[in-house]
C-alpha atoms as a PDB file:
ATOM      1  CA  MET A   1      -2.036  -1.919 -17.375  1.00  0.00           C
ATOM      2  CA  ASN A   2      -5.548  -2.861 -16.358  1.00  0.00           C
ATOM      3  CA  ILE A   3      -5.750  -1.389 -12.893  1.00  0.00           C
ATOM      4  CA  GLN A   4      -8.356   1.338 -13.153  1.00  0.00           C
ATOM      5  CA  LEU A   5      -6.206   4.413 -12.739  1.00  0.00           C
ATOM      6  CA  PRO A   6      -8.289   7.587 -13.136  1.00  0.00           C
ATOM      7  CA  THR A   7      -7.137  10.262 -15.559  1.00  0.00           C
ATOM      8  CA  VAL A   8      -8.366  12.895 -13.134  1.00  0.00           C
ATOM      9  CA  PHE A   9      -7.468  12.251  -9.527  1.00  0.00           C
ATOM     10  CA  VAL A  10     -10.629  13.706  -8.007  1.00  0.00           C
ATOM     11  CA  SER A  11     -11.140  10.941  -5.446  1.00  0.00           C
ATOM     12  CA  ALA A  12      -7.600  11.044  -4.110  1.00  0.00           C
ATOM     13  CA  LEU A  13      -7.594  14.833  -3.995  1.00  0.00           C
ATOM     14  CA  THR A  14     -10.908  14.793  -2.144  1.00  0.00           C
ATOM     15  CA  LEU A  15      -9.484  12.415   0.445  1.00  0.00           C
ATOM     16  CA  PHE A  16      -6.382  14.555   0.764  1.00  0.00           C
ATOM     17  CA  ALA A  17      -8.386  17.776   1.074  1.00  0.00           C
ATOM     18  CA  THR A  18     -10.753  16.233   3.606  1.00  0.00           C
ATOM     19  CA  SER A  19      -7.861  15.229   5.835  1.00  0.00           C
ATOM     20  CA  LEU A  20      -6.413  18.726   5.707  1.00  0.00           C
ATOM     21  CA  PHE A  21      -9.705  20.523   6.243  1.00  0.00           C
ATOM     22  CA  ALA A  22     -10.303  18.465   9.397  1.00  0.00           C
ATOM     23  CA  GLN A  23     -13.918  19.506   9.626  1.00  0.00           C
ATOM     24  CA  SER A  24     -15.799  19.042  12.873  1.00  0.00           C
ATOM     25  CA  THR A  25     -19.407  19.572  13.894  1.00  0.00           C
ATOM     26  CA  THR A  26     -20.989  21.457  16.758  1.00  0.00           C
ATOM     27  CA  ASN A  27     -23.272  19.913  19.347  1.00  0.00           C
ATOM     28  CA  ASP A  28     -26.371  20.934  17.386  1.00  0.00           C
ATOM     29  CA  GLY A  29     -25.083  19.092  14.337  1.00  0.00           C
ATOM     30  CA  ILE A  30     -24.343  22.206  12.259  1.00  0.00           C
ATOM     31  CA  THR A  31     -21.044  21.995  10.417  1.00  0.00           C
ATOM     32  CA  ARG A  32     -18.603  24.655  11.482  1.00  0.00           C
ATOM     33  CA  SER A  33     -17.601  27.180   8.893  1.00  0.00           C
ATOM     34  CA  LEU A  34     -14.664  26.252   6.720  1.00  0.00           C
ATOM     35  CA  ASN A  35     -13.273  29.652   7.645  1.00  0.00           C
ATOM     36  CA  ASN A  36     -12.411  28.146  11.025  1.00  0.00           C
ATOM     37  CA  SER A  37     -10.854  25.045   9.510  1.00  0.00           C
ATOM     38  CA  VAL A  38      -7.379  24.299   8.220  1.00  0.00           C
ATOM     39  CA  ARG A  39      -7.425  25.288   4.551  1.00  0.00           C
ATOM     40  CA  VAL A  40      -5.951  23.422   1.604  1.00  0.00           C
ATOM     41  CA  THR A  41      -3.874  25.927  -0.268  1.00  0.00           C
ATOM     42  CA  PRO A  42      -3.656  25.962  -4.078  1.00  0.00           C
ATOM     43  CA  HIS A  43       0.036  25.131  -3.712  1.00  0.00           C
ATOM     44  CA  GLN A  44      -0.769  22.002  -1.673  1.00  0.00           C
ATOM     45  CA  LEU A  45      -3.355  20.853  -4.192  1.00  0.00           C
ATOM     46  CA  THR A  46      -0.926  21.411  -7.051  1.00  0.00           C
ATOM     47  CA  LYS A  47       1.766  19.444  -5.231  1.00  0.00           C
ATOM     48  CA  ALA A  48      -0.663  16.611  -4.468  1.00  0.00           C
ATOM     49  CA  LEU A  49      -1.692  16.432  -8.114  1.00  0.00           C
ATOM     50  CA  GLU A  50       1.944  16.401  -9.243  1.00  0.00           C
ATOM     51  CA  VAL A  51       2.732  13.545  -6.844  1.00  0.00           C
ATOM     52  CA  GLN A  52      -0.245  11.499  -8.042  1.00  0.00           C
ATOM     53  CA  HIS A  53       0.636  12.013 -11.715  1.00  0.00           C
ATOM     54  CA  THR A  54       4.171  10.874 -10.891  1.00  0.00           C
ATOM     55  CA  ILE A  55       2.901   7.763  -9.100  1.00  0.00           C
ATOM     56  CA  LYS A  56       0.611   6.900 -12.008  1.00  0.00           C
ATOM     57  CA  ASP A  57       3.536   7.158 -14.440  1.00  0.00           C
ATOM     58  CA  LEU A  58       5.778   5.052 -12.176  1.00  0.00           C
ATOM     59  CA  ILE A  59       3.183   2.288 -11.924  1.00  0.00           C
ATOM     60  CA  GLN A  60       2.599   2.175 -15.650  1.00  0.00           C
ATOM     61  CA  GLU A  61       6.352   2.023 -16.253  1.00  0.00           C
ATOM     62  CA  LYS A  62       6.882  -0.795 -13.748  1.00  0.00           C
ATOM     63  CA  ILE A  63       3.962  -3.082 -14.632  1.00  0.00           C
ATOM     64  CA  HIS A  64       5.182  -6.051 -16.672  1.00  0.00           C
ATOM     65  CA  ILE A  65       2.136  -8.354 -16.464  1.00  0.00           C
ATOM     66  CA  THR A  66      -1.444  -7.211 -17.162  1.00  0.00           C
ATOM     67  CA  SER A  67      -4.780  -8.754 -16.264  1.00  0.00           C
ATOM     68  CA  ASP A  68      -5.178  -9.778 -19.921  1.00  0.00           C
ATOM     69  CA  ASP A  69      -1.865 -11.637 -19.764  1.00  0.00           C
ATOM     70  CA  ILE A  70      -3.041 -13.531 -16.693  1.00  0.00           C
ATOM     71  CA  ARG A  71      -6.465 -14.387 -18.167  1.00  0.00           C
ATOM     72  CA  LYS A  72      -4.854 -15.717 -21.338  1.00  0.00           C
ATOM     73  CA  ALA A  73      -2.395 -17.804 -19.324  1.00  0.00           C
ATOM     74  CA  LEU A  74      -5.193 -19.263 -17.181  1.00  0.00           C
ATOM     75  CA  ASN A  75      -7.251 -20.136 -20.260  1.00  0.00           C
ATOM     76  CA  ASN A  76      -4.404 -21.402 -22.426  1.00  0.00           C
ATOM     77  CA  SER A  77      -3.495 -24.926 -21.445  1.00  0.00           C
ATOM     78  CA  SER A  78      -0.774 -25.013 -24.108  1.00  0.00           C
ATOM     79  CA  HIS A  79       1.130 -22.107 -22.563  1.00  0.00           C
ATOM     80  CA  PRO A  80       4.749 -23.201 -21.917  1.00  0.00           C
ATOM     81  CA  SER A  81       5.402 -24.252 -18.346  1.00  0.00           C
ATOM     82  CA  PRO A  82       8.380 -22.956 -16.357  1.00  0.00           C
ATOM     83  CA  SER A  83      10.243 -26.212 -16.998  1.00  0.00           C
ATOM     84  CA  ASP A  84       9.560 -25.995 -20.745  1.00  0.00           C
ATOM     85  CA  ALA A  85      10.825 -22.430 -20.840  1.00  0.00           C
ATOM     86  CA  MET A  86      14.071 -23.402 -19.138  1.00  0.00           C
ATOM     87  CA  HIS A  87      14.771 -25.980 -21.864  1.00  0.00           C
ATOM     88  CA  ALA A  88      13.757 -23.871 -24.852  1.00  0.00           C
ATOM     89  CA  GLU A  89      16.182 -24.002 -27.767  1.00  0.00           C
ATOM     90  CA  LYS A  90      18.684 -21.167 -27.621  1.00  0.00           C
ATOM     91  CA  GLU A  91      21.055 -19.539 -30.042  1.00  0.00           C
ATOM     92  CA  ALA A  92      24.723 -20.012 -29.245  1.00  0.00           C
ATOM     93  CA  LEU A  93      26.474 -16.882 -28.054  1.00  0.00           C
ATOM     94  CA  PRO A  94      29.037 -15.557 -30.537  1.00  0.00           C
ATOM     95  CA  ALA A  95      32.671 -15.714 -29.513  1.00  0.00           C
ATOM     96  CA  GLY A  96      33.911 -12.338 -28.298  1.00  0.00           C
ATOM     97  CA  PRO A  97      37.328 -10.727 -28.047  1.00  0.00           C
ATOM     98  CA  PHE A  98      37.293 -11.122 -24.267  1.00  0.00           C
ATOM     99  CA  ASN A  99      37.112 -14.128 -22.019  1.00  0.00           C
ATOM    100  CA  GLU A 100      33.320 -13.982 -21.777  1.00  0.00           C
ATOM    101  CA  LYS A 101      31.345 -16.369 -19.579  1.00  0.00           C
ATOM    102  CA  VAL A 102      27.626 -17.087 -19.563  1.00  0.00           C
ATOM    103  CA  VAL A 103      26.073 -16.129 -16.234  1.00  0.00           C
ATOM    104  CA  SER A 104      22.580 -17.325 -17.167  1.00  0.00           C
ATOM    105  CA  ASP A 105      21.118 -19.086 -20.204  1.00  0.00           C
ATOM    106  CA  ASP A 106      17.509 -18.708 -19.109  1.00  0.00           C
ATOM    107  CA  ALA A 107      15.100 -18.633 -22.069  1.00  0.00           C
ATOM    108  CA  ALA A 108      13.305 -15.652 -20.546  1.00  0.00           C
ATOM    109  CA  ALA A 109      14.684 -12.154 -21.056  1.00  0.00           C
ATOM    110  CA  GLU A 110      16.834 -10.893 -18.186  1.00  0.00           C
ATOM    111  CA  SER A 111      17.728  -7.202 -18.050  1.00  0.00           C
ATOM    112  CA  GLU A 112      18.477  -4.165 -15.833  1.00  0.00           C
ATOM    113  CA  LEU A 113      20.930  -6.154 -13.763  1.00  0.00           C
ATOM    114  CA  HIS A 114      23.063  -5.126 -10.819  1.00  0.00           C
ATOM    115  CA  ALA A 115      26.349  -6.755  -9.822  1.00  0.00           C
ATOM    116  CA  ALA A 116      28.683  -6.582  -6.825  1.00  0.00           C
ATOM    117  CA  ILE A 117      32.075  -7.953  -5.715  1.00  0.00           C
ATOM    118  CA  ASN A 118      32.791  -9.166  -2.196  1.00  0.00           C
ATOM    119  CA  PRO A 119      35.339  -6.788  -0.596  1.00  0.00           C
ATOM    120  CA  THR A 120      36.752  -9.637   1.505  1.00  0.00           C
ATOM    121  CA  ASP A 121      37.013 -12.145  -1.370  1.00  0.00           C
ATOM    122  CA  SER A 122      37.146 -10.819  -4.927  1.00  0.00           C
ATOM    123  CA  SER A 123      36.543 -14.307  -6.352  1.00  0.00           C
ATOM    124  CA  ASN A 124      32.977 -13.978  -5.039  1.00  0.00           C
ATOM    125  CA  MET A 125      30.686 -11.968  -7.312  1.00  0.00           C
ATOM    126  CA  VAL A 126      26.894 -11.720  -7.528  1.00  0.00           C
ATOM    127  CA  VAL A 127      24.517 -10.644 -10.296  1.00  0.00           C
ATOM    128  CA  SER A 128      20.762 -10.127 -10.264  1.00  0.00           C
ATOM    129  CA  PRO A 129      18.584  -9.083 -13.242  1.00  0.00           C
ATOM    130  CA  ILE A 130      14.867  -8.523 -13.727  1.00  0.00           C
ATOM    131  CA  ARG A 131      13.490 -11.711 -15.271  1.00  0.00           C
ATOM    132  CA  SER A 132      10.627 -11.073 -17.707  1.00  0.00           C
ATOM    133  CA  THR A 133       8.714 -14.313 -17.371  1.00  0.00           C
ATOM    134  CA  GLN A 134       7.336 -16.248 -20.350  1.00  0.00           C
ATOM    135  CA  ASN A 135       4.509 -17.499 -18.153  1.00  0.00           C
ATOM    136  CA  PRO A 136       2.586 -14.660 -16.415  1.00  0.00           C
ATOM    137  CA  LEU A 137       1.484 -17.076 -13.692  1.00  0.00           C
ATOM    138  CA  GLU A 138       5.094 -17.394 -12.529  1.00  0.00           C
ATOM    139  CA  GLY A 139       5.200 -13.712 -11.657  1.00  0.00           C
ATOM    140  CA  LEU A 140       8.114 -11.330 -12.007  1.00  0.00           C
ATOM    141  CA  LEU A 141      11.347 -12.348 -10.268  1.00  0.00           C
ATOM    142  CA  CYS A 142      14.873 -11.051  -9.697  1.00  0.00           C
ATOM    143  CA  PRO A 143      16.986 -14.250  -9.743  1.00  0.00           C
ATOM    144  CA  ILE A 144      20.365 -14.185  -8.011  1.00  0.00           C
ATOM    145  CA  TYR A 145      23.467 -15.672  -9.644  1.00  0.00           C
ATOM    146  CA  TYR A 146      26.774 -16.083  -7.801  1.00  0.00           C
ATOM    147  CA  THR A 147      30.322 -17.210  -8.475  1.00  0.00           C
ATOM    148  CA  LYS A 148      33.148 -18.083  -6.105  1.00  0.00           C
ATOM    149  CA  ASN A 149      35.892 -18.645  -8.675  1.00  0.00           C
ATOM    150  CA  PHE A 150      36.236 -15.234 -10.331  1.00  0.00           C
ATOM    151  CA  GLY A 151      33.342 -15.890 -12.739  1.00  0.00           C
ATOM    152  CA  LYS A 152      34.623 -19.107 -14.298  1.00  0.00           C
ATOM    153  CA  THR A 153      31.357 -20.811 -13.342  1.00  0.00           C
ATOM    154  CA  TRP A 154      28.072 -19.404 -12.099  1.00  0.00           C
ATOM    155  CA  ASN A 155      25.283 -20.865  -9.994  1.00  0.00           C
ATOM    156  CA  LYS A 156      21.729 -19.742  -9.265  1.00  0.00           C
ATOM    157  CA  SER A 157      20.515 -19.268  -5.711  1.00  0.00           C
ATOM    158  CA  THR A 158      17.250 -20.987  -4.786  1.00  0.00           C
ATOM    159  CA  PHE A 159      16.071 -17.771  -3.086  1.00  0.00           C
ATOM    160  CA  GLN A 160      13.084 -16.169  -4.801  1.00  0.00           C
ATOM    161  CA  THR A 161      12.229 -12.489  -4.523  1.00  0.00           C
ATOM    162  CA  LYS A 162       8.524 -13.079  -3.990  1.00  0.00           C
ATOM    163  CA  PRO A 163       6.143 -11.361  -1.559  1.00  0.00           C
ATOM    164  CA  LYS A 164       5.568 -13.294   1.647  1.00  0.00           C
ATOM    165  CA  SER A 165       1.829 -13.590   1.021  1.00  0.00           C
ATOM    166  CA  PRO A 166       1.006 -17.042  -0.432  1.00  0.00           C
ATOM    167  CA  THR A 167      -1.778 -15.592  -2.637  1.00  0.00           C
ATOM    168  CA  ALA A 168       0.381 -12.835  -4.135  1.00  0.00           C
ATOM    169  CA  LEU A 169       1.305 -12.628  -7.813  1.00  0.00           C
ATOM    170  CA  THR A 170       4.068 -10.168  -8.707  1.00  0.00           C
ATOM    171  CA  ILE A 171       3.074  -8.278 -11.861  1.00  0.00           C
ATOM    172  CA  GLY A 172       5.788  -5.625 -11.831  1.00  0.00           C
ATOM    173  CA  GLY A 173       8.690  -4.067 -10.020  1.00  0.00           C
ATOM    174  CA  GLY A 174      12.282  -5.235 -10.143  1.00  0.00           C
ATOM    175  CA  ASP A 175      15.226  -2.893  -9.440  1.00  0.00           C
ATOM    176  CA  PRO A 176      17.565  -5.451  -7.787  1.00  0.00           C
ATOM    177  CA  MET A 177      20.376  -3.785  -5.831  1.00  0.00           C
ATOM    178  CA  PHE A 178      23.313  -5.276  -3.862  1.00  0.00           C
ATOM    179  CA  ALA A 179      25.552  -3.926  -1.099  1.00  0.00           C
ATOM    180  CA  PHE A 180      28.352  -5.689   0.818  1.00  0.00           C
ATOM    181  CA  ASP A 181      29.478  -4.674   4.283  1.00  0.00           C
ATOM    182  CA  ALA A 182      33.112  -4.705   5.459  1.00  0.00           C
ATOM    183  CA  SER A 183      32.893  -8.306   6.698  1.00  0.00           C
ATOM    184  CA  GLY A 184      31.448  -9.694   3.464  1.00  0.00           C
ATOM    185  CA  LYS A 185      27.805  -9.789   4.552  1.00  0.00           C
ATOM    186  CA  LEU A 186      25.700  -9.204   1.463  1.00  0.00           C
ATOM    187  CA  TYR A 187      22.410  -7.323   1.192  1.00  0.00           C
ATOM    188  CA  ILE A 188      19.934  -7.258  -1.676  1.00  0.00           C
ATOM    189  CA  SER A 189      16.851  -5.103  -2.161  1.00  0.00           C
ATOM    190  CA  TRP A 190      14.132  -5.226  -4.813  1.00  0.00           C
ATOM    191  CA  ILE A 191      10.606  -3.999  -5.577  1.00  0.00           C
ATOM    192  CA  ASN A 192       7.461  -6.125  -5.828  1.00  0.00           C
ATOM    193  CA  LEU A 193       4.235  -4.757  -7.310  1.00  0.00           C
ATOM    194  CA  TYR A 194       1.708  -7.489  -6.681  1.00  0.00           C
ATOM    195  CA  ILE A 195      -1.964  -8.419  -6.560  1.00  0.00           C
ATOM    196  CA  GLU A 196      -3.774 -10.841  -4.247  1.00  0.00           C
ATOM    197  CA  ASN A 197      -6.003 -13.683  -5.453  1.00  0.00           C
ATOM    198  CA  PHE A 198      -5.885 -12.411  -9.058  1.00  0.00           C
ATOM    199  CA  LYS A 199      -7.810  -9.265  -8.084  1.00  0.00           C
ATOM    200  CA  PHE A 200      -6.622  -6.107  -9.843  1.00  0.00           C
ATOM    201  CA  ASP A 201      -8.643  -3.633  -7.779  1.00  0.00           C
ATOM    202  CA  THR A 202      -5.779  -3.167  -5.339  1.00  0.00           C
ATOM    203  CA  LEU A 203      -2.078  -3.111  -6.151  1.00  0.00           C
ATOM    204  CA  TYR A 204       0.394  -3.664  -3.330  1.00  0.00           C
ATOM    205  CA  GLU A 205       3.958  -2.374  -3.382  1.00  0.00           C
ATOM    206  CA  GLU A 206       6.838  -3.545  -1.225  1.00  0.00           C
ATOM    207  CA  MET A 207      10.453  -2.446  -1.430  1.00  0.00           C
ATOM    208  CA  SER A 208      12.005  -5.477   0.268  1.00  0.00           C
ATOM    209  CA  TRP A 209      15.440  -6.570   1.422  1.00  0.00           C
ATOM    210  CA  ALA A 210      17.268  -9.734   2.470  1.00  0.00           C
ATOM    211  CA  TYR A 211      20.815 -10.701   3.429  1.00  0.00           C
ATOM    212  CA  SER A 212      23.324 -13.475   2.802  1.00  0.00           C
ATOM    213  CA  THR A 213      26.336 -14.528   4.877  1.00  0.00           C
ATOM    214  CA  ASP A 214      27.659 -17.085   2.386  1.00  0.00           C
ATOM    215  CA  GLY A 215      28.326 -14.989  -0.681  1.00  0.00           C
ATOM    216  CA  GLY A 216      24.844 -15.106  -2.185  1.00  0.00           C
ATOM    217  CA  VAL A 217      24.142 -18.856  -1.941  1.00  0.00           C
ATOM    218  CA  THR A 218      21.421 -18.674   0.713  1.00  0.00           C
ATOM    219  CA  TRP A 219      19.386 -15.717   1.941  1.00  0.00           C
ATOM    220  CA  LYS A 220      17.380 -14.708   4.981  1.00  0.00           C
ATOM    221  CA  ARG A 221      14.547 -12.194   5.384  1.00  0.00           C
ATOM    222  CA  GLU A 222      13.578 -10.620   8.673  1.00  0.00           C
ATOM    223  CA  ALA A 223      10.005 -10.650   9.996  1.00  0.00           C
ATOM    224  CA  GLN A 224       9.011  -7.583   7.971  1.00  0.00           C
ATOM    225  CA  GLY A 225      11.978  -7.304   5.636  1.00  0.00           C
ATOM    226  CA  ILE A 226      10.843  -4.083   3.965  1.00  0.00           C
ATOM    227  CA  ILE A 227      12.385  -0.705   3.211  1.00  0.00           C
ATOM    228  CA  GLY A 228       8.962   0.721   2.389  1.00  0.00           C
ATOM    229  CA  LYS A 229       5.443  -0.547   1.768  1.00  0.00           C
ATOM    230  CA  THR A 230       2.212   0.930   0.400  1.00  0.00           C
ATOM    231  CA  LEU A 231      -0.934   0.050  -1.557  1.00  0.00           C
ATOM    232  CA  VAL A 232      -2.537   1.665  -4.554  1.00  0.00           C
ATOM    233  CA  THR A 233      -6.225   1.824  -5.493  1.00  0.00           C
ATOM    234  CA  SER A 234      -8.100   4.136  -7.826  1.00  0.00           C
ATOM    235  CA  ALA A 235      -8.778   6.475  -4.889  1.00  0.00           C
ATOM    236  CA  ASN A 236      -5.436   6.056  -3.146  1.00  0.00           C
ATOM    237  CA  GLN A 237      -2.362   7.061  -5.109  1.00  0.00           C
ATOM    238  CA  THR A 238      -0.568   9.133  -2.547  1.00  0.00           C
ATOM    239  CA  GLU A 239       2.658   7.195  -1.964  1.00  0.00           C
ATOM    240  CA  PHE A 240       5.189   5.148  -3.905  1.00  0.00           C
ATOM    241  CA  PHE A 241       8.723   3.792  -3.415  1.00  0.00           C
ATOM    242  CA  ASP A 242      11.040   3.617  -6.410  1.00  0.00           C
ATOM    243  CA  LYS A 243      14.628   3.001  -7.510  1.00  0.00           C
ATOM    244  CA  GLN A 244      16.619   2.410  -4.368  1.00  0.00           C
ATOM    245  CA  TRP A 245      20.418   2.567  -4.256  1.00  0.00           C
ATOM    246  CA  MET A 246      22.140   0.977  -1.263  1.00  0.00           C
ATOM    247  CA  VAL A 247      25.452   1.265   0.524  1.00  0.00           C
ATOM    248  CA  VAL A 248      26.823  -0.053   3.819  1.00  0.00           C
ATOM    249  CA  ASP A 249      29.125   2.012   6.027  1.00  0.00           C
ATOM    250  CA  GLN A 250      32.459   0.137   5.885  1.00  0.00           C
ATOM    251  CA  THR A 251      34.396   2.710   7.919  1.00  0.00           C
ATOM    252  CA  ASN A 252      35.553   2.499  11.523  1.00  0.00           C
ATOM    253  CA  SER A 253      33.248   5.345  12.502  1.00  0.00           C
ATOM    254  CA  GLN A 254      30.429   5.052  15.038  1.00  0.00           C
ATOM    255  CA  TYR A 255      28.088   4.315  12.115  1.00  0.00           C
ATOM    256  CA  LYS A 256      29.978   1.251  10.838  1.00  0.00           C
ATOM    257  CA  GLY A 257      27.535  -1.366   9.597  1.00  0.00           C
ATOM    258  CA  ASN A 258      24.674   1.044   8.937  1.00  0.00           C
ATOM    259  CA  LEU A 259      22.793   0.157   5.751  1.00  0.00           C
ATOM    260  CA  TYR A 260      21.486   3.128   3.747  1.00  0.00           C
ATOM    261  CA  ALA A 261      19.004   3.253   0.873  1.00  0.00           C
ATOM    262  CA  GLY A 262      18.591   6.357  -1.254  1.00  0.00           C
ATOM    263  CA  ILE A 263      15.085   6.202  -2.729  1.00  0.00           C
ATOM    264  CA  PHE A 264      12.630   8.156  -4.858  1.00  0.00           C
ATOM    265  CA  HIS A 265       9.672   8.553  -2.503  1.00  0.00           C
ATOM    266  CA  PRO A 266       6.746  10.632  -3.803  1.00  0.00           C
ATOM    267  CA  SER A 267       4.277  10.915  -0.938  1.00  0.00           C
ATOM    268  CA  ALA A 268       1.232  13.169  -0.368  1.00  0.00           C
ATOM    269  CA  THR A 269       2.482  16.627  -1.422  1.00  0.00           C
ATOM    270  CA  ASP A 270       6.186  15.737  -1.281  1.00  0.00           C
ATOM    271  CA  GLY A 271       7.660  14.490  -4.560  1.00  0.00           C
ATOM    272  CA  ARG A 272      11.296  14.419  -3.489  1.00  0.00           C
ATOM    273  CA  VAL A 273      13.932  11.763  -3.018  1.00  0.00           C
ATOM    274  CA  GLY A 274      15.141  10.796   0.418  1.00  0.00           C
ATOM    275  CA  LEU A 275      17.100   8.355   2.527  1.00  0.00           C
ATOM    276  CA  ARG A 276      16.067   5.393   4.674  1.00  0.00           C
ATOM    277  CA  ARG A 277      18.422   3.472   6.933  1.00  0.00           C
ATOM    278  CA  LYS A 278      18.865   0.297   8.913  1.00  0.00           C
ATOM    279  CA  GLU A 279      21.190   0.853  11.833  1.00  0.00           C
ATOM    280  CA  ALA A 280      23.967  -1.641  12.520  1.00  0.00           C
ATOM    281  CA  GLY A 281      22.598  -4.472  14.638  1.00  0.00           C
ATOM    282  CA  ALA A 282      18.963  -3.583  13.929  1.00  0.00           C
ATOM    283  CA  THR A 283      16.753  -6.134  12.207  1.00  0.00           C
ATOM    284  CA  GLU A 284      14.534  -3.710  10.279  1.00  0.00           C
ATOM    285  CA  PHE A 285      14.717  -0.410   8.411  1.00  0.00           C
ATOM    286  CA  ILE A 286      13.442   2.701  10.156  1.00  0.00           C
ATOM    287  CA  GLN A 287      10.113   3.463   8.470  1.00  0.00           C
ATOM    288  CA  SER A 288      10.632   7.159   7.859  1.00  0.00           C
ATOM    289  CA  THR A 289      12.365   9.055   5.067  1.00  0.00           C
ATOM    290  CA  VAL A 290      14.951  11.776   5.635  1.00  0.00           C
ATOM    291  CA  ARG A 291      14.477  14.379   2.885  1.00  0.00           C
ATOM    292  CA  PRO A 292      16.866  16.946   1.440  1.00  0.00           C
ATOM    293  CA  GLN A 293      16.232  20.408   2.858  1.00  0.00           C
ATOM    294  CA  GLY A 294      13.998  22.702   0.843  1.00  0.00           C
ATOM    295  CA  SER A 295      10.670  21.871  -0.781  1.00  0.00           C
ATOM    296  CA  GLU A 296      10.957  23.962  -3.926  1.00  0.00           C
ATOM    297  CA  TYR A 297      11.972  21.089  -6.215  1.00  0.00           C
ATOM    298  CA  THR A 298       9.605  20.504  -9.117  1.00  0.00           C
ATOM    299  CA  LEU A 299      11.762  17.661 -10.407  1.00  0.00           C
ATOM    300  CA  ASN A 300      13.721  15.540  -7.979  1.00  0.00           C
ATOM    301  CA  GLN A 301      14.741  11.977  -8.887  1.00  0.00           C
ATOM    302  CA  PHE A 302      17.555   9.515  -9.599  1.00  0.00           C
ATOM    303  CA  THR A 303      19.393   9.140  -6.309  1.00  0.00           C
ATOM    304  CA  SER A 304      22.789   7.680  -5.560  1.00  0.00           C
ATOM    305  CA  VAL A 305      24.289   7.297  -2.093  1.00  0.00           C
ATOM    306  CA  ASP A 306      27.768   6.729  -0.713  1.00  0.00           C
ATOM    307  CA  VAL A 307      29.695   6.991   2.567  1.00  0.00           C
ATOM    308  CA  ASP A 308      32.967   8.858   3.117  1.00  0.00           C
ATOM    309  CA  ILE A 309      35.872   7.698   5.300  1.00  0.00           C
ATOM    310  CA  GLN A 310      34.420   9.429   8.374  1.00  0.00           C
ATOM    311  CA  GLY A 311      30.990   7.833   8.065  1.00  0.00           C
ATOM    312  CA  GLY A 312      29.355  10.865   6.442  1.00  0.00           C
ATOM    313  CA  VAL A 313      26.476   9.974   4.145  1.00  0.00           C
ATOM    314  CA  HIS A 314      26.271  11.691   0.755  1.00  0.00           C
ATOM    315  CA  LEU A 315      23.083  11.613  -1.325  1.00  0.00           C
ATOM    316  CA  THR A 316      23.193  12.907  -4.876  1.00  0.00           C
ATOM    317  CA  PHE A 317      20.141  13.443  -7.039  1.00  0.00           C
ATOM    318  CA  PHE A 318      18.857  15.085 -10.207  1.00  0.00           C
ATOM    319  CA  GLY A 319      16.665  18.113  -9.599  1.00  0.00           C
ATOM    320  CA  ASP A 320      15.048  21.217 -11.001  1.00  0.00           C
ATOM    321  CA  ILE A 321      13.925  24.122  -8.809  1.00  0.00           C
ATOM    322  CA  ASN A 322      10.611  25.892  -9.350  1.00  0.00           C
ATOM    323  CA  ASN A 323      10.242  24.754 -12.968  1.00  0.00           C
ATOM    324  CA  ALA A 324      13.298  26.811 -13.943  1.00  0.00           C
ATOM    325  CA  LEU A 325      14.118  24.310 -16.717  1.00  0.00           C
ATOM    326  CA  ALA A 326      17.673  24.239 -15.432  1.00  0.00           C
ATOM    327  CA  PRO A 327      18.062  20.722 -14.020  1.00  0.00           C
ATOM    328  CA  ALA A 328      21.290  19.870 -12.264  1.00  0.00           C
ATOM    329  CA  LEU A 329      22.916  17.252 -10.039  1.00  0.00           C
END
């Protein structure tokens, strides 16, 4: 990854400390004593450093396309085009013991998929993988494949999981995730890590969502269409959104139709998981994260979320308390 991520997060810590110190000056221009200011405790600094190390690791893990890849693609006129890649020669799949069907024969690698079945019509299934592009200038995508005949044949939706900005190039992300509601309305979410105008000095992150009312054929995004959004520079690595899991309340409770996303959300000094929600009838997600109680977790990741028959929301996660080296669910 060629974004200049510092090995020591001095700049970000300085910004964080400055905001907490909240220094002010007197009328004669003399800075008030720090003794009268809000202090940054060693614990807060340690937590901030832990969060920033986590964010750095997450970015490096999620970047699929580097600046070198893009430069080579721009300079290499013989690089295969998207249409060439689609018609590349492929090895035939071996016959298996089951009635296997090919969902996609794309020449590019497709992995880390998620699939879902329509609760109102089990012949309707959807699959979305992360597509590792052969041409870096195409950007990373999460294509959507659907069937309406129990998987006998599959089609590809024309919807593309790109940022809305016309100058954006997605260089990382992925994590496609589906959720159906009780009426068969289908939601998808995914992560875009992208740059603007081929400039690697700032990396934008959006955890986005869209919905389909025809079983995955066509999709619509709302005006914002995000679960969470942030940007990362060398001096700003204080927030990140990762690995969402979604579920829709299908009960007859007062919360029927609510869409929930359990996410890993390291932010400032808080490195814990949490929950974001879109209420039934609302067009956007509430832009705040509900955290588990207690801040003593030194490891807190890998969420899953589900809803019980009364509309109660259950968030599970993997955690370790106070570096006890005794992680548990």
